[in-house]
Amino acid sequence: MLVLTRKPAETIHIGDNVVVKVIKTARGTVKIGIEAPDSVRVIRGELLDETVATVQSDTVVNQLADHFNALSDQYPHVA
């Protein structure tokens, strides 16, 4: 991990197309701006965690549904 110290209005360049700019610093927080092409997904970490959890939950639910559908096909007399 690269750790840098930046002051307001200073930037960090990532590759050729991504710029991170310090907008404002306050006690315990930093406001940043990110300039990136539309093809680059920029998302807050906690939202990414929620997205991954949702996808995993949906996958488990779909697997269970498939399993129960297979069972109901094998045992059509059981409701």
Protein backbone atom coordinates (compact mmCIF):
# COMPACT_ATOMS: atom_id res chain seq x y z
CA MET A 1 0.00 0.00 0.00
CA LEU A 2 1.25 3.43 -0.89
CA VAL A 3 0.60 6.00 1.84
CA LEU A 4 0.82 9.69 0.91
CA THR A 5 0.29 12.96 2.72
CA ARG A 6 -1.61 15.54 0.71
CA LYS A 7 -2.91 19.04 1.41
CA PRO A 8 -6.15 20.53 0.06
CA ALA A 9 -6.08 20.99 -3.74
CA GLU A 10 -3.19 18.54 -4.15
CA THR A 11 -3.71 15.54 -6.41
CA ILE A 12 -2.71 11.94 -6.87
CA HIS A 13 -2.63 10.46 -10.38
CA ILE A 14 -3.38 6.77 -10.88
CA GLY A 15 -2.43 5.52 -14.31
CA ASP A 16 -3.19 7.83 -17.21
CA ASN A 17 -6.87 8.44 -16.54
CA VAL A 18 -7.61 8.63 -12.81
CA VAL A 19 -7.02 11.69 -10.63
CA VAL A 20 -7.75 11.85 -6.91
CA LYS A 21 -7.90 15.37 -5.51
CA VAL A 22 -8.07 16.42 -1.87
CA ILE A 23 -11.00 18.82 -1.68
CA LYS A 24 -11.15 19.56 2.03
CA THR A 25 -9.65 18.29 5.24
CA ALA A 26 -11.28 18.55 8.64
CA ARG A 27 -10.81 17.01 12.03
CA GLY A 28 -10.97 13.28 11.40
CA THR A 29 -12.27 13.47 7.80
CA VAL A 30 -11.00 14.09 4.31
CA LYS A 31 -13.20 15.07 1.37
CA ILE A 32 -11.82 13.82 -1.94
CA GLY A 33 -12.80 14.13 -5.57
CA ILE A 34 -12.15 11.39 -8.10
CA GLU A 35 -11.94 12.01 -11.83
CA ALA A 36 -12.10 8.83 -13.87
CA PRO A 37 -13.42 7.71 -17.24
CA ASP A 38 -16.97 6.37 -17.34
CA SER A 39 -15.55 2.90 -17.96
CA VAL A 40 -13.89 2.90 -14.51
CA ARG A 41 -16.22 1.90 -11.67
CA VAL A 42 -15.76 4.07 -8.59
CA ILE A 43 -17.70 2.92 -5.52
CA ARG A 44 -17.40 3.39 -1.76
CA GLY A 45 -16.00 0.36 0.04
CA GLU A 46 -19.04 -0.18 2.27
CA LEU A 47 -21.33 -0.21 -0.77
CA LEU A 48 -19.09 -2.74 -2.48
CA ASP A 49 -19.29 -4.96 0.61
CA GLU A 50 -23.11 -4.71 0.54
CA THR A 51 -23.15 -5.48 -3.18
CA VAL A 52 -20.99 -8.56 -2.70
CA ALA A 53 -23.17 -9.73 0.21
CA THR A 54 -26.33 -9.21 -1.86
CA VAL A 55 -24.93 -11.12 -4.83
CA GLN A 56 -23.84 -13.96 -2.54
CA SER A 57 -27.27 -14.05 -0.87
CA ASP A 58 -29.02 -14.04 -4.24
CA THR A 59 -26.78 -16.90 -5.37
CA VAL A 60 -27.61 -18.97 -2.28
CA VAL A 61 -31.34 -18.27 -2.67
CA ASN A 62 -31.21 -19.26 -6.34
CA GLN A 63 -29.31 -22.45 -5.50
CA LEU A 64 -31.90 -23.36 -2.86
CA ALA A 65 -34.75 -22.63 -5.27
CA ASP A 66 -33.12 -24.84 -7.90
CA HIS A 67 -32.66 -27.58 -5.32
CA PHE A 68 -36.29 -27.46 -4.19
CA ASN A 69 -37.53 -27.33 -7.78
CA ALA A 70 -35.51 -30.46 -8.50
CA LEU A 71 -36.99 -32.14 -5.41
CA SER A 72 -40.53 -31.19 -6.40
CA ASP A 73 -39.90 -32.68 -9.85
CA GLN A 74 -38.74 -35.93 -8.22
CA TYR A 75 -41.59 -36.03 -5.72
CA PRO A 76 -44.59 -34.33 -7.36
CA HIS A 77 -47.02 -35.85 -4.86
CA VAL A 78 -45.42 -33.95 -1.96
CA ALA A 79 -46.81 -30.44 -1.68
